[in-house]
Amino acid sequence: MVSPQFQEIVTFLQAFQEEEGLSKKMKERVNSVILLLQGNSSLVIEKSLAALEELGSLEMSSYHRTKIWEAASMLESVLAR
């Protein structure tokens, strides 16, 4: 079960994953971030942020890049709490 603090982020990423124009490779990587957030690791946020940063460095539209940054910002706000 996903902890309440990550549920909003997981929901956001799942919606992002279903958007038109997102490559299969990108969908797989977003799914890996979702799986990280559903895990029980003590480094969930750090690992997820690193994965999102890696995603942000890939070739994609500015719209999709903005969505990746938005998800990273959501994670950073959880980290700041």
C-alpha atoms as a PDB file:
ATOM      1  CA  MET A   1       0.000   0.000   0.000  1.00  0.00           C
ATOM      2  CA  VAL A   2       1.228   3.481  -0.850  1.00  0.00           C
ATOM      3  CA  SER A   3       1.722   5.811   2.093  1.00  0.00           C
ATOM      4  CA  PRO A   4      -0.613   8.823   2.119  1.00  0.00           C
ATOM      5  CA  GLN A   5       2.274  11.243   1.560  1.00  0.00           C
ATOM      6  CA  PHE A   6       3.087   9.592  -1.767  1.00  0.00           C
ATOM      7  CA  GLN A   7      -0.452   8.839  -2.980  1.00  0.00           C
ATOM      8  CA  GLU A   8      -0.887  12.249  -4.626  1.00  0.00           C
ATOM      9  CA  ILE A   9       2.445  11.905  -6.430  1.00  0.00           C
ATOM     10  CA  VAL A  10       1.672   8.351  -7.569  1.00  0.00           C
ATOM     11  CA  THR A  11      -1.730   9.483  -8.874  1.00  0.00           C
ATOM     12  CA  PHE A  12      -0.071  12.396 -10.708  1.00  0.00           C
ATOM     13  CA  LEU A  13       2.519  10.083 -12.293  1.00  0.00           C
ATOM     14  CA  GLN A  14      -0.109   7.516 -13.285  1.00  0.00           C
ATOM     15  CA  ALA A  15      -2.108  10.227 -15.066  1.00  0.00           C
ATOM     16  CA  PHE A  16       1.091  11.476 -16.728  1.00  0.00           C
ATOM     17  CA  GLN A  17       1.911   7.956 -17.841  1.00  0.00           C
ATOM     18  CA  GLU A  18      -1.413   7.732 -19.709  1.00  0.00           C
ATOM     19  CA  GLU A  19      -0.930  10.963 -21.696  1.00  0.00           C
ATOM     20  CA  GLU A  20      -0.764  10.997 -25.469  1.00  0.00           C
ATOM     21  CA  GLY A  21       2.625  11.400 -27.083  1.00  0.00           C
ATOM     22  CA  LEU A  22       4.625   9.778 -24.297  1.00  0.00           C
ATOM     23  CA  SER A  23       7.021   7.162 -25.648  1.00  0.00           C
ATOM     24  CA  LYS A  24       6.940   3.564 -24.451  1.00  0.00           C
ATOM     25  CA  LYS A  25      10.412   4.011 -22.974  1.00  0.00           C
ATOM     26  CA  MET A  26       9.266   7.067 -21.041  1.00  0.00           C
ATOM     27  CA  LYS A  27       6.161   5.236 -19.781  1.00  0.00           C
ATOM     28  CA  GLU A  28       8.360   2.406 -18.519  1.00  0.00           C
ATOM     29  CA  ARG A  29      10.626   4.835 -16.681  1.00  0.00           C
ATOM     30  CA  VAL A  30       7.690   6.665 -15.110  1.00  0.00           C
ATOM     31  CA  ASN A  31       6.368   3.278 -14.020  1.00  0.00           C
ATOM     32  CA  SER A  32       9.700   2.517 -12.349  1.00  0.00           C
ATOM     33  CA  VAL A  33       9.371   5.748 -10.333  1.00  0.00           C
ATOM     34  CA  ILE A  34       5.843   4.730  -9.337  1.00  0.00           C
ATOM     35  CA  LEU A  35       7.150   1.359  -8.183  1.00  0.00           C
ATOM     36  CA  LEU A  36       9.884   3.082  -6.177  1.00  0.00           C
ATOM     37  CA  LEU A  37       7.295   5.240  -4.431  1.00  0.00           C
ATOM     38  CA  GLN A  38       5.262   2.154  -3.589  1.00  0.00           C
ATOM     39  CA  GLY A  39       8.279   0.460  -2.012  1.00  0.00           C
ATOM     40  CA  ASN A  40       9.407   0.484   1.597  1.00  0.00           C
ATOM     41  CA  SER A  41      12.950   1.736   1.120  1.00  0.00           C
ATOM     42  CA  SER A  42      14.224   4.415   3.477  1.00  0.00           C
ATOM     43  CA  LEU A  43      15.618   6.231   0.434  1.00  0.00           C
ATOM     44  CA  VAL A  44      12.383   6.313  -1.573  1.00  0.00           C
ATOM     45  CA  ILE A  45      12.393  10.069  -2.095  1.00  0.00           C
ATOM     46  CA  GLU A  46      16.071  10.307  -3.004  1.00  0.00           C
ATOM     47  CA  LYS A  47      15.891   7.387  -5.432  1.00  0.00           C
ATOM     48  CA  SER A  48      12.716   8.737  -7.012  1.00  0.00           C
ATOM     49  CA  LEU A  49      14.201  12.225  -7.384  1.00  0.00           C
ATOM     50  CA  ALA A  50      17.295  10.763  -9.026  1.00  0.00           C
ATOM     51  CA  ALA A  51      15.124   8.769 -11.438  1.00  0.00           C
ATOM     52  CA  LEU A  52      13.061  11.863 -12.290  1.00  0.00           C
ATOM     53  CA  GLU A  53      16.226  13.907 -12.870  1.00  0.00           C
ATOM     54  CA  GLU A  54      17.449  11.194 -15.226  1.00  0.00           C
ATOM     55  CA  LEU A  55      14.094  11.315 -17.032  1.00  0.00           C
ATOM     56  CA  GLY A  56      14.348  15.083 -17.313  1.00  0.00           C
ATOM     57  CA  SER A  57      17.626  14.756 -19.173  1.00  0.00           C
ATOM     58  CA  LEU A  58      16.048  12.690 -21.965  1.00  0.00           C
ATOM     59  CA  GLU A  59      14.776  14.097 -25.235  1.00  0.00           C
ATOM     60  CA  MET A  60      11.105  15.061 -24.810  1.00  0.00           C
ATOM     61  CA  SER A  61       8.674  17.885 -25.366  1.00  0.00           C
ATOM     62  CA  SER A  62       8.792  20.905 -23.087  1.00  0.00           C
ATOM     63  CA  TYR A  63       5.290  19.986 -21.860  1.00  0.00           C
ATOM     64  CA  HIS A  64       6.434  16.540 -20.700  1.00  0.00           C
ATOM     65  CA  ARG A  65       9.615  17.980 -19.188  1.00  0.00           C
ATOM     66  CA  THR A  66       7.483  20.427 -17.182  1.00  0.00           C
ATOM     67  CA  LYS A  67       5.392  17.515 -15.886  1.00  0.00           C
ATOM     68  CA  ILE A  68       8.570  15.723 -14.758  1.00  0.00           C
ATOM     69  CA  TRP A  69       9.725  18.869 -12.930  1.00  0.00           C
ATOM     70  CA  GLU A  70       6.307  19.192 -11.308  1.00  0.00           C
ATOM     71  CA  ALA A  71       6.533  15.630  -9.968  1.00  0.00           C
ATOM     72  CA  ALA A  72      10.063  16.338  -8.684  1.00  0.00           C
ATOM     73  CA  SER A  73       8.797  19.466  -6.921  1.00  0.00           C
ATOM     74  CA  MET A  74       6.047  17.443  -5.263  1.00  0.00           C
ATOM     75  CA  LEU A  75       8.654  14.984  -3.979  1.00  0.00           C
ATOM     76  CA  GLU A  76      10.912  17.763  -2.738  1.00  0.00           C
ATOM     77  CA  SER A  77       8.024  19.257  -0.769  1.00  0.00           C
ATOM     78  CA  VAL A  78       7.536  15.878   0.956  1.00  0.00           C
ATOM     79  CA  LEU A  79      11.253  15.815   1.722  1.00  0.00           C
ATOM     80  CA  ALA A  80      11.085  19.311   3.247  1.00  0.00           C
ATOM     81  CA  ARG A  81       8.376  18.289   5.743  1.00  0.00           C
END
